[in-house]
Protein backbone atom coordinates (compact mmCIF):
# COMPACT_ATOMS: atom_id res chain seq x y z
CA MET A 1 74.10 126.49 109.98
CA HIS A 2 72.61 126.00 106.52
CA TRP A 3 74.41 126.17 103.24
CA GLY A 4 72.75 126.65 99.87
CA LEU A 5 72.36 128.82 96.83
CA CYS A 6 70.32 131.98 97.08
CA PRO A 7 66.94 131.54 95.27
CA ARG A 8 66.81 135.18 94.17
CA GLY A 9 69.36 134.90 91.35
CA PRO A 10 72.88 136.20 90.93
CA GLY A 11 74.31 139.46 92.19
CA ALA A 12 75.32 141.17 95.39
CA ALA A 13 71.70 141.70 96.32
CA ALA A 14 71.10 137.99 96.39
CA VAL A 15 74.01 137.48 98.71
CA ALA A 16 72.83 140.23 101.05
CA ALA A 17 69.39 138.70 101.13
CA ALA A 18 70.85 135.29 101.92
CA GLY A 19 72.83 136.80 104.75
CA SER A 20 69.77 138.41 106.29
CA PHE A 21 67.77 135.19 105.88
CA TRP A 22 70.31 132.90 107.57
CA GLY A 23 71.73 135.40 109.99
CA PRO A 24 75.37 135.67 111.12
CA ALA A 25 77.21 132.39 111.25
CA ARG A 26 79.69 131.11 113.81
CA LEU A 27 81.79 128.01 114.12
CA PRO A 28 81.21 125.84 117.20
CA SER A 29 82.54 127.46 120.35
CA ARG A 30 85.25 124.77 120.68
CA LEU A 31 87.30 123.71 117.66
CA GLY A 32 88.85 120.33 118.34
CA CYS A 33 91.06 120.70 121.35
CA LEU A 34 92.29 124.22 120.81
CA GLY A 35 89.30 125.99 122.32
CA MET A 36 89.39 128.70 119.62
CA THR A 37 86.27 130.55 118.54
CA ARG A 38 86.11 131.62 114.93
CA ARG A 39 83.61 134.00 113.30
CA LEU A 40 82.43 132.95 109.86
CA VAL A 41 81.74 135.76 107.41
CA VAL A 42 79.94 135.07 104.16
CA ARG A 43 81.15 137.02 101.18
CA SER A 44 80.37 137.04 97.50
CA VAL A 45 82.74 137.09 94.59
CA ALA A 46 82.27 139.77 91.92
CA GLY A 47 79.49 138.60 89.61
CA ALA A 48 78.65 139.10 85.98
CA ASP A 49 77.05 142.48 86.65
CA SER A 50 80.09 143.72 88.55
CA PRO A 51 82.47 146.09 86.77
CA GLN A 52 85.44 144.05 88.13
CA SER A 53 84.36 140.83 86.47
CA SER A 54 86.01 139.81 83.25
CA SER A 55 84.26 138.49 80.22
CA LYS A 56 85.86 135.10 80.91
CA GLY A 57 84.59 134.96 84.51
CA GLY A 58 82.02 132.30 85.39
CA ARG A 59 78.44 133.50 85.34
CA TYR A 60 77.73 131.69 88.63
CA ARG A 61 80.80 132.96 90.49
CA ASP A 62 78.93 135.39 92.75
CA THR A 63 76.31 132.78 93.69
CA VAL A 64 78.89 130.74 95.63
CA LEU A 65 78.98 131.51 99.33
CA LEU A 66 82.56 131.30 100.66
CA PRO A 67 83.34 131.28 104.40
CA GLN A 68 85.91 133.55 105.92
CA THR A 69 87.82 132.50 109.01
CA SER A 70 90.96 133.53 110.83
CA PHE A 71 91.97 129.85 110.92
CA PRO A 72 94.80 129.69 108.36
CA MET A 73 94.19 127.71 105.18
CA LYS A 74 97.93 127.09 104.82
CA LEU A 75 100.78 127.11 107.31
CA LEU A 76 104.13 128.40 106.13
CA GLY A 77 107.62 127.94 107.54
CA ARG A 78 107.75 127.45 111.29
CA GLN A 79 104.00 127.97 111.58
CA GLN A 80 103.42 124.30 110.77
CA SER A 81 105.76 122.96 113.46
CA ASP A 82 104.50 125.51 116.02
CA MET A 83 100.89 124.54 115.38
CA GLU A 84 101.82 120.85 115.59
CA LEU A 85 103.39 121.32 119.03
CA GLU A 86 100.44 123.40 120.21
CA ILE A 87 98.01 120.63 119.23
CA GLN A 88 100.13 118.01 120.97
CA GLN A 89 100.30 119.97 124.20
CA LYS A 90 96.61 120.87 124.34
CA CYS A 91 95.38 117.42 123.31
CA GLY A 92 97.54 115.60 125.85
CA PHE A 93 98.92 112.95 123.48
CA SER A 94 101.85 112.28 125.79
CA GLN A 95 99.53 111.36 128.67
CA LEU A 96 97.27 109.10 126.63
CA TYR A 97 99.28 105.91 127.22
CA SER A 98 99.45 106.27 131.00
CA CYS A 99 95.76 107.24 131.18
CA GLN A 100 94.57 104.17 129.30
CA ARG A 101 96.80 101.95 131.46
CA GLU A 102 94.89 103.16 134.56
CA ARG A 103 91.54 101.97 133.23
CA LYS A 104 89.78 99.11 135.01
CA VAL A 105 89.22 96.69 132.15
CA LYS A 106 89.27 92.89 131.82
CA THR A 107 91.26 92.52 128.61
CA GLU A 108 94.79 93.60 127.73
CA PHE A 109 96.37 93.84 124.27
CA CYS A 110 100.16 93.49 124.17
CA LEU A 111 102.13 94.45 121.07
CA HIS A 112 105.80 93.42 121.12
CA ASP A 113 107.79 96.06 119.29
CA GLY A 114 110.21 94.71 116.70
CA PRO A 115 112.84 97.40 117.26
CA PRO A 116 114.40 99.66 114.64
CA TYR A 117 118.17 99.91 114.28
CA ALA A 118 119.73 102.86 116.07
CA ASN A 119 121.78 103.73 113.01
CA GLY A 120 120.45 107.00 111.63
CA ASP A 121 117.81 109.71 111.44
CA PRO A 122 114.08 108.89 111.38
CA HIS A 123 112.65 108.40 107.90
CA VAL A 124 109.44 107.37 106.16
CA GLY A 125 110.12 103.69 106.90
CA HIS A 126 110.08 104.43 110.61
CA ALA A 127 106.86 106.42 110.19
CA LEU A 128 105.15 103.58 108.33
CA ASN A 129 106.19 101.03 110.96
CA LYS A 130 105.33 103.04 114.06
CA ILE A 131 102.09 104.56 112.77
CA LEU A 132 100.71 101.19 111.63
CA LYS A 133 101.47 99.79 115.08
CA ASP A 134 99.82 102.84 116.65
CA ILE A 135 96.68 102.29 114.56
CA ALA A 136 96.49 98.69 115.81
CA ASN A 137 97.00 99.76 119.42
CA ARG A 138 94.38 102.50 119.28
CA PHE A 139 91.92 100.13 117.61
CA HIS A 140 92.17 97.71 120.53
CA MET A 141 92.05 100.55 123.03
CA MET A 142 88.83 101.84 121.50
CA ARG A 143 87.38 98.34 121.73
CA GLY A 144 87.89 98.43 125.49
CA SER A 145 91.27 96.78 125.98
CA LYS A 146 94.20 98.09 127.98
CA VAL A 147 97.23 98.38 125.67
CA HIS A 148 100.76 97.31 126.60
CA PHE A 149 103.36 98.70 124.18
CA VAL A 150 107.00 99.14 125.23
CA PRO A 151 109.14 100.47 122.37
CA GLY A 152 112.81 99.59 121.99
CA TRP A 153 115.90 99.82 119.82
CA ASP A 154 118.34 97.30 118.36
CA CYS A 155 121.61 98.93 119.33
CA HIS A 156 124.14 96.35 118.12
CA GLY A 157 125.31 94.87 114.86
CA LEU A 158 126.76 95.67 111.50
CA PRO A 159 124.36 98.48 110.50
CA ILE A 160 125.67 100.65 113.34
CA GLU A 161 129.30 99.55 113.15
CA THR A 162 129.38 100.04 109.39
CA LYS A 163 127.91 103.54 109.72
CA VAL A 164 130.44 104.51 112.37
CA LEU A 165 133.42 103.17 110.42
CA SER A 166 132.29 104.87 107.22
CA GLU A 167 132.07 108.22 109.02
CA LEU A 168 135.54 107.75 110.52
CA GLY A 169 137.04 106.86 107.12
CA VAL A 170 140.74 105.98 107.13
CA ASP A 171 141.01 106.84 110.83
CA ALA A 172 138.97 103.72 111.65
CA GLN A 173 141.89 101.45 110.76
CA SER A 174 143.93 102.70 113.69
CA LEU A 175 141.21 102.21 116.31
CA SER A 176 141.17 99.34 118.78
CA ALA A 177 138.12 97.18 119.38
CA MET A 178 137.37 99.07 122.60
CA GLU A 179 137.52 102.44 120.84
CA ILE A 180 135.18 101.24 118.08
CA ARG A 181 132.71 100.01 120.70
CA GLU A 182 132.76 103.36 122.50
CA LYS A 183 132.14 105.29 119.29
CA ALA A 184 129.42 102.85 118.22
CA ARG A 185 127.65 103.22 121.56
CA SER A 186 127.78 107.03 121.34
CA PHE A 187 126.48 106.91 117.79
CA ALA A 188 123.62 104.59 118.77
CA GLN A 189 122.63 106.76 121.73
CA ALA A 190 122.48 109.87 119.54
CA ALA A 191 120.40 108.05 116.93
CA ILE A 192 118.00 106.79 119.61
CA GLU A 193 117.37 110.32 120.88
CA LYS A 194 116.61 111.57 117.36
CA GLN A 195 114.29 108.69 116.56
CA LYS A 196 112.55 108.76 119.92
CA SER A 197 111.90 112.49 119.65
CA ALA A 198 110.32 111.97 116.23
CA PHE A 199 108.16 109.05 117.36
CA VAL A 200 106.83 111.04 120.30
CA ARG A 201 106.14 114.04 118.07
CA TRP A 202 104.21 111.83 115.67
CA GLY A 203 101.84 111.14 118.56
CA VAL A 204 102.64 107.42 118.85
CA MET A 205 101.01 106.05 122.00
CA ALA A 206 103.66 104.08 123.92
CA ASP A 207 105.46 103.72 127.23
CA TRP A 208 108.22 106.18 126.32
CA ASN A 209 109.52 106.34 129.89
CA ASN A 210 110.47 102.65 130.01
CA CYS A 211 111.97 101.84 126.61
CA TYR A 212 114.30 98.89 126.21
CA TYR A 213 117.74 99.00 124.61
CA THR A 214 119.72 95.95 123.54
CA PHE A 215 122.98 97.49 124.76
CA ASP A 216 121.65 97.72 128.32
CA PRO A 217 124.04 95.55 130.43
CA LYS A 218 121.10 93.79 132.10
CA TYR A 219 119.65 92.95 128.69
CA GLU A 220 123.02 91.65 127.47
CA ALA A 221 123.54 89.55 130.61
CA LYS A 222 120.22 87.79 130.02
CA GLN A 223 121.27 87.02 126.45
CA LEU A 224 124.51 85.45 127.67
CA ARG A 225 122.67 83.32 130.23
CA VAL A 226 120.26 82.08 127.56
CA PHE A 227 123.24 81.22 125.34
CA TYR A 228 124.76 79.11 128.09
CA GLN A 229 121.45 77.35 128.77
CA MET A 230 121.25 76.43 125.09
CA TYR A 231 124.87 75.27 125.16
CA GLU A 232 124.14 72.98 128.13
CA LYS A 233 121.25 71.43 126.19
CA GLY A 234 123.40 70.82 123.14
CA LEU A 235 121.52 73.39 121.06
CA VAL A 236 124.60 75.57 120.50
CA TYR A 237 127.91 74.28 119.18
CA ARG A 238 131.06 75.37 117.36
CA SER A 239 131.99 73.75 114.07
CA TYR A 240 133.80 74.17 110.76
CA LYS A 241 131.11 74.60 108.11
CA PRO A 242 130.50 76.57 104.92
CA VAL A 243 128.51 79.73 105.66
CA TYR A 244 127.49 82.84 103.74
CA TRP A 245 130.43 85.20 103.96
CA SER A 246 130.59 88.89 103.12
CA PRO A 247 134.07 89.97 101.94
CA SER A 248 133.00 93.61 102.16
CA SER A 249 131.93 93.28 105.82
CA ARG A 250 134.52 90.57 106.58
CA THR A 251 132.06 88.47 108.55
CA ALA A 252 129.77 85.48 108.37
CA LEU A 253 126.12 86.22 107.63
CA ALA A 254 122.84 84.46 108.30
CA GLU A 255 120.43 83.79 105.46
CA ALA A 256 118.13 86.52 106.77
CA GLU A 257 120.91 89.08 106.19
CA LEU A 258 120.98 88.46 102.45
CA GLU A 259 119.17 90.11 99.59
CA TYR A 260 119.16 88.76 96.07
CA ASN A 261 120.14 90.68 92.97
CA PRO A 262 118.14 89.21 90.06
CA GLU A 263 120.36 90.99 87.51
CA HIS A 264 123.73 89.71 88.72
CA VAL A 265 126.11 88.69 85.93
CA SER A 266 128.36 85.67 86.48
CA ARG A 267 130.93 84.08 84.21
CA SER A 268 129.86 80.49 83.57
CA ILE A 269 132.05 77.80 82.02
CA TYR A 270 131.77 74.25 80.70
CA VAL A 271 134.75 72.33 82.10
CA ARG A 272 135.94 68.82 81.38
CA PHE A 273 137.45 66.56 84.04
CA PRO A 274 139.51 63.82 82.32
CA LEU A 275 138.40 60.35 83.42
CA LEU A 276 141.30 58.86 85.35
CA ARG A 277 139.86 55.49 86.34
CA PRO A 278 136.68 54.36 84.58
CA PRO A 279 133.83 53.04 86.70
CA PRO A 280 134.06 49.22 86.79
CA LYS A 281 130.75 48.81 84.95
CA LEU A 282 131.88 51.12 82.14
CA GLU A 283 135.36 49.79 81.49
CA SER A 284 134.22 48.14 78.28
CA LEU A 285 133.03 51.51 76.93
CA THR A 286 136.39 53.22 77.26
CA ASP A 287 139.90 52.56 76.06
CA ALA A 288 143.23 54.33 76.18
CA SER A 289 143.05 55.39 72.55
CA SER A 290 139.83 57.34 73.10
CA PRO A 291 140.08 59.19 76.41
CA VAL A 292 136.81 60.16 78.06
CA SER A 293 136.06 63.27 80.13
CA VAL A 294 133.27 64.11 82.54
CA LEU A 295 131.58 67.35 81.53
CA VAL A 296 130.43 69.87 84.18
CA TRP A 297 129.03 73.39 84.15
CA THR A 298 129.51 76.03 86.86
CA THR A 299 128.72 79.70 87.43
CA GLN A 300 131.54 79.97 90.00
CA PRO A 301 134.82 79.16 88.22
CA TRP A 302 136.80 80.42 91.23
CA THR A 303 135.71 77.33 93.19
CA ILE A 304 137.38 74.89 90.72
CA PRO A 305 140.74 74.97 92.59
CA ALA A 306 138.88 73.68 95.69
CA ASN A 307 137.17 70.81 93.82
CA GLN A 308 137.20 67.48 95.64
CA ALA A 309 134.62 65.41 93.73
CA ILE A 310 132.01 65.25 90.98
CA CYS A 311 128.46 64.27 91.95
CA TYR A 312 125.83 62.47 89.91
CA MET A 313 122.19 61.44 90.33
CA PRO A 314 122.06 57.66 90.85
CA GLU A 315 118.55 57.19 89.41
CA ALA A 316 119.10 59.34 86.29
CA LYS A 317 120.18 58.16 82.85
CA TYR A 318 123.63 59.14 81.55
CA ALA A 319 125.45 58.70 78.28
CA VAL A 320 128.86 58.67 76.65
CA VAL A 321 128.74 61.00 73.63
CA LYS A 322 131.16 61.86 70.89
CA CYS A 323 131.59 65.49 69.85
CA SER A 324 131.32 65.82 66.07
CA ALA A 325 133.62 68.85 66.03
CA SER A 326 136.54 67.59 68.15
CA GLY A 327 135.99 63.85 68.31
CA HIS A 328 136.31 63.92 72.11
CA LEU A 329 134.20 61.66 74.29
CA TYR A 330 132.19 63.13 77.16
CA ILE A 331 129.95 61.79 79.92
CA LEU A 332 126.81 63.77 80.75
CA ALA A 333 123.13 63.23 81.56
CA GLU A 334 121.04 61.82 78.73
CA ASP A 335 118.41 64.57 79.19
CA LYS A 336 121.08 67.26 78.80
CA ILE A 337 122.63 66.08 75.53
CA ALA A 338 120.60 68.36 73.27
CA PRO A 339 120.76 71.58 75.35
CA VAL A 340 124.49 71.18 76.05
CA ALA A 341 125.26 70.49 72.38
CA SER A 342 123.28 73.62 71.47
CA ALA A 343 125.17 75.70 74.06
CA LEU A 344 128.50 74.43 72.73
CA GLU A 345 127.35 74.98 69.14
CA THR A 346 128.11 71.43 68.10
CA THR A 347 126.43 68.05 67.86
CA PHE A 348 126.83 64.90 69.96
CA ASP A 349 126.59 61.31 68.82
CA VAL A 350 125.51 58.89 71.54
CA VAL A 351 128.05 56.08 71.97
CA ALA A 352 126.38 54.36 74.92
CA ALA A 353 123.71 54.97 77.55
CA PHE A 354 123.69 53.73 81.14
CA SER A 355 122.23 54.35 84.58
CA GLY A 356 123.72 56.80 87.04
CA VAL A 357 124.56 54.06 89.53
CA ASP A 358 127.01 52.67 86.97
CA LEU A 359 129.27 55.69 87.59
CA GLU A 360 130.10 54.39 91.05
CA GLY A 361 133.80 53.79 91.62
CA GLY A 362 135.05 56.08 88.87
CA THR A 363 137.57 58.88 89.38
CA CYS A 364 138.69 61.94 87.43
CA SER A 365 141.87 63.98 87.42
CA HIS A 366 141.61 67.58 88.56
CA PRO A 367 141.67 69.98 85.57
CA LEU A 368 144.20 72.28 87.29
CA THR A 369 146.16 69.72 89.32
CA PRO A 370 146.61 66.53 87.27
CA ASP A 371 147.94 64.45 90.18
CA LYS A 372 144.86 65.29 92.28
CA VAL A 373 141.97 62.81 92.15
CA SER A 374 138.28 63.82 92.08
CA PRO A 375 136.01 60.79 92.68
CA LEU A 376 132.57 60.32 91.15
CA LEU A 377 130.02 60.24 94.01
CA PRO A 378 126.22 59.88 94.27
CA ALA A 379 124.29 62.81 95.72
CA THR A 380 120.67 63.78 96.27
CA HIS A 381 121.12 67.48 95.44
CA VAL A 382 121.97 66.91 91.77
CA THR A 383 119.18 68.06 89.44
CA MET A 384 118.61 68.26 85.71
CA ALA A 385 117.33 71.84 85.77
CA LYS A 386 120.59 73.32 84.48
CA GLY A 387 124.07 72.22 83.55
CA THR A 388 125.11 68.74 82.47
CA GLY A 389 123.64 66.53 85.22
CA LEU A 390 127.08 66.26 86.82
CA VAL A 391 127.97 68.71 89.58
CA HIS A 392 131.43 70.03 90.45
CA THR A 393 131.80 69.69 94.23
CA ALA A 394 133.89 72.03 96.43
CA PRO A 395 133.10 71.20 100.09
CA ALA A 396 134.42 74.53 101.41
CA HIS A 397 132.10 76.53 99.17
CA GLY A 398 128.72 74.81 99.19
CA MET A 399 126.23 73.54 101.76
CA GLU A 400 125.35 70.39 99.77
CA ASP A 401 129.00 69.92 98.83
CA TYR A 402 129.90 69.93 102.52
CA SER A 403 127.26 67.29 103.23
CA VAL A 404 128.70 65.01 100.52
CA ALA A 405 132.23 65.56 101.84
CA SER A 406 131.10 64.68 105.38
CA GLN A 407 129.61 61.40 104.18
CA HIS A 408 132.71 60.41 102.19
CA SER A 409 135.44 61.95 104.40
CA LEU A 410 136.69 64.34 101.73
CA PRO A 411 139.08 67.23 102.46
CA MET A 412 137.33 70.53 103.21
CA ASP A 413 140.21 72.97 102.96
CA CYS A 414 139.24 76.57 102.24
CA LEU A 415 141.49 78.50 99.86
CA VAL A 416 139.80 81.88 100.47
CA ASP A 417 140.51 84.32 103.32
CA GLU A 418 138.23 86.74 105.21
CA GLY A 419 138.61 89.44 102.56
CA GLY A 420 137.56 87.15 99.71
CA MET A 421 141.14 86.68 98.48
CA PHE A 422 142.86 83.44 97.51
CA THR A 423 145.31 82.28 100.17
CA ASP A 424 148.85 81.11 99.48
CA ALA A 425 147.52 77.51 99.57
CA ALA A 426 145.84 78.23 96.22
CA GLY A 427 149.23 78.67 94.58
CA PRO A 428 151.37 81.64 93.50
CA GLU A 429 149.26 82.38 90.43
CA LEU A 430 146.12 82.90 92.52
CA GLN A 431 147.47 84.17 95.83
CA ASN A 432 146.02 87.52 97.04
CA LYS A 433 143.58 87.78 94.11
CA ALA A 434 139.92 88.58 94.79
CA VAL A 435 137.98 85.43 93.95
CA LEU A 436 134.94 87.29 92.62
CA LYS A 437 137.02 89.53 90.37
CA GLU A 438 140.53 88.97 89.01
CA GLY A 439 140.70 85.57 90.75
CA THR A 440 137.92 84.27 88.51
CA ASP A 441 139.70 85.62 85.44
CA VAL A 442 142.97 83.88 86.36
CA VAL A 443 141.24 80.55 87.07
CA ILE A 444 139.57 80.61 83.65
CA LYS A 445 142.85 81.42 81.94
CA MET A 446 144.54 78.55 83.78
CA LEU A 447 141.81 76.16 82.66
CA GLN A 448 142.12 77.41 79.09
CA ALA A 449 145.87 76.82 79.22
CA THR A 450 145.21 73.16 80.10
CA LYS A 451 142.55 73.00 77.34
CA ASN A 452 139.85 71.97 79.79
CA VAL A 453 137.41 74.83 79.10
CA LEU A 454 134.92 74.09 76.32
CA LYS A 455 133.03 77.37 76.53
CA GLU A 456 132.74 80.52 78.62
CA GLU A 457 129.71 82.81 78.64
CA ASN A 458 128.08 85.40 80.88
CA ILE A 459 124.88 84.44 82.62
CA VAL A 460 122.35 86.75 84.30
CA HIS A 461 120.83 85.17 87.39
CA SER A 462 119.77 85.83 90.97
CA TYR A 463 122.74 86.05 93.33
CA PRO A 464 122.96 86.70 97.11
CA CYS A 465 124.34 90.03 98.31
CA ASP A 466 125.12 91.56 101.69
CA TRP A 467 122.00 93.63 102.37
CA ARG A 468 124.08 96.29 104.14
CA THR A 469 126.88 96.83 101.63
CA LYS A 470 124.90 95.66 98.56
CA THR A 471 127.93 93.68 97.36
CA PRO A 472 128.05 89.97 96.41
CA VAL A 473 128.73 87.38 99.08
CA LEU A 474 130.29 83.95 98.76
CA ILE A 475 130.03 80.64 100.59
CA ARG A 476 133.13 80.00 102.62
CA ALA A 477 133.96 77.37 105.24
CA SER A 478 135.09 78.69 108.61
CA LYS A 479 134.72 77.92 112.30
CA GLN A 480 131.55 79.48 113.64
CA TRP A 481 128.97 79.04 116.36
CA PHE A 482 125.67 77.47 115.30
CA VAL A 483 122.23 76.77 116.68
CA ASN A 484 121.16 73.18 116.10
CA ILE A 485 117.85 73.70 114.27
CA THR A 486 117.36 69.97 113.65
CA ASP A 487 116.85 69.17 117.35
CA ILE A 488 114.24 71.89 117.89
CA LYS A 489 112.49 71.69 114.52
CA ALA A 490 109.59 69.48 115.65
CA ALA A 491 108.88 71.57 118.77
CA ALA A 492 109.16 74.81 116.77
CA LYS A 493 106.63 73.59 114.21
CA GLU A 494 104.17 72.65 116.95
CA SER A 495 104.58 76.08 118.53
CA LEU A 496 103.96 77.78 115.21
CA LYS A 497 100.58 76.04 114.95
CA THR A 498 99.40 77.99 118.01
CA VAL A 499 100.20 81.34 116.35
CA LYS A 500 97.72 83.20 114.15
CA PHE A 501 99.60 84.48 111.10
CA ILE A 502 98.35 87.41 109.01
CA PRO A 503 98.48 86.64 106.13
CA GLY A 504 98.17 82.90 106.66
CA ALA A 505 100.76 82.14 103.97
CA ALA A 506 103.46 83.47 106.31
CA LEU A 507 103.17 80.24 108.30
CA ASN A 508 104.28 78.24 105.26
CA SER A 509 107.30 80.52 104.85
CA MET A 510 108.34 79.90 108.46
CA THR A 511 107.97 76.11 108.23
CA ASP A 512 109.80 76.03 104.89
CA MET A 513 112.66 77.98 106.46
CA LEU A 514 112.88 75.45 109.30
CA ASP A 515 112.98 72.58 106.82
CA ARG A 516 115.74 74.24 104.77
CA ARG A 517 118.02 75.07 107.67
CA PRO A 518 119.62 72.22 109.62
CA TYR A 519 121.71 74.83 111.44
CA TRP A 520 121.79 78.60 112.00
CA CYS A 521 125.04 80.56 112.14
CA ILE A 522 124.90 83.06 115.02
CA SER A 523 128.53 84.22 115.29
CA ARG A 524 129.89 87.34 113.60
CA GLN A 525 133.46 88.54 113.09
CA ARG A 526 132.81 92.09 114.27
CA VAL A 527 133.39 94.04 117.49
CA TRP A 528 130.09 95.88 118.10
CA GLY A 529 127.74 93.23 119.44
CA VAL A 530 127.05 90.94 122.36
CA PRO A 531 130.13 88.72 122.76
CA ILE A 532 129.83 84.94 122.81
CA PRO A 533 130.71 83.95 126.42
CA VAL A 534 133.67 81.75 125.52
CA PHE A 535 137.40 82.01 126.19
CA HIS A 536 139.66 80.86 123.33
CA HIS A 537 143.17 79.51 123.84
CA LYS A 538 145.78 81.86 122.41
CA THR A 539 147.72 79.22 120.48
CA LYS A 540 145.51 76.12 120.37
CA ASP A 541 142.14 75.67 118.74
CA GLU A 542 140.45 75.15 122.10
CA TYR A 543 137.77 77.06 124.01
CA LEU A 544 136.46 77.23 127.58
CA ILE A 545 132.86 77.76 128.64
CA ASN A 546 131.22 77.00 131.99
CA ARG A 547 128.69 78.41 134.44
CA ARG A 548 131.32 80.32 136.45
CA MET A 549 131.95 82.51 133.41
CA LEU A 550 128.49 84.01 133.95
CA SER A 551 129.43 85.54 137.28
CA PRO A 552 128.82 89.31 137.60
CA ALA A 553 132.56 90.09 137.54
CA LEU A 554 133.24 88.15 134.34
CA LEU A 555 130.10 89.47 132.69
CA THR A 556 131.22 93.01 133.46
CA TYR A 557 134.60 92.25 131.87
CA ALA A 558 133.09 90.57 128.82
CA LEU A 559 130.58 93.34 128.17
CA ARG A 560 133.08 96.19 128.23
């Protein structure tokens, strides 16, 4: 069929002539897969010489040849969904996967499906994920490969449990662990059916008859056996360590479960720790008439009650300075004298300068508990980027702090419970107060009462949050199960070299993550998940794990 403008000029006559010249037009006998024949009628629009045309009408309007077809230009209401289903049925989308699997070809492309959570209705994120995967699969199929794509669902974890508990509201508090698991399973199954129906309707080519589900007992049993194999090799262990903890979810979190809020506001303070025993090399610089204090800065005042030490950088330069406003003597890093003086809106006069190693052997008194001693200790994690060059150290609330405490056998007592509240061990003034809220306020007031706070100010910085509840997390020491990353790091890096990453920079992210993590916390304090195959003593801090626990009978009991 030819399309063009009639050479005879505007008007109905020109259109009629064009029609007789080209003859009646038809669409192809088969339109796509619907097998519908459509007759195309050429019509003209009222032209300039037509009485219906307005003075504002285009002078070339009647020279445009417009097709007419019974195929609708727009589908309204249920017409769209009905047409969609008709196309799916007639085009055989659902049979495409099995048909291509029957082809006799030499190459096979396998795409492992990173599963979506079974925690809600399908949305645009699901569409983006599944359709991009479908494009990749069809590309390889069209290049002659046989495609292997088995979709699945992640049916466990906090996203599902949180959704279930939020829907139950106050009634959730009266449910047992077994009842929560039953409701979570039912919720996940319903979500899977909704999502699966949508994925199939979108025409995604996959093995929809053999999907995998992480709550399948056979799948769970394999996970438990792998856990025990890792335990036998020493790759899994239980220990008391500081981990990311979500008070809102009341569970430990892995680093991958965090998101960072760049606009988080914290209350930062400059705190002085009175020097109790001067370092031997600095005794000549101090005397009883002029007491000296070590100056630290922290964005987490609530951790001060758990302080066990103050860390310094051995190779850095430090100084004793005199405050012009108060006359007090402070120890801080030489490079931080000017910025700290500016922050405190005062000036410092340098009394003496010395190397960081000269701080060895010194001790300070705790600003809240005078009879408690906080030693001065060397550490590799101290930097001069912020603060005073001296770092307040609370082993229960910091990864580096814990490392220092392990080297020097410091106490690691945690004063914070699962809900982010101070325990009774923190004292009556702090007990049952949320550490990230009123607990911080009380700690600052207590420090002000002892005249150990030099300045308080708000600071906007990036802070980790629970990606599910969007609320701040804290670092809290507790007994958890960990994977020993250190022992598998070298082998993991070698394996990564055999993988083609797109984009290539993703490889650097993976290796950096391995270098940063000496261990990986895998335990969670929730009920909807695969249980760790361990029996705990009711009254003692002891546990039992052996191969006999992986028998079918015990696995059935554990997976209920």
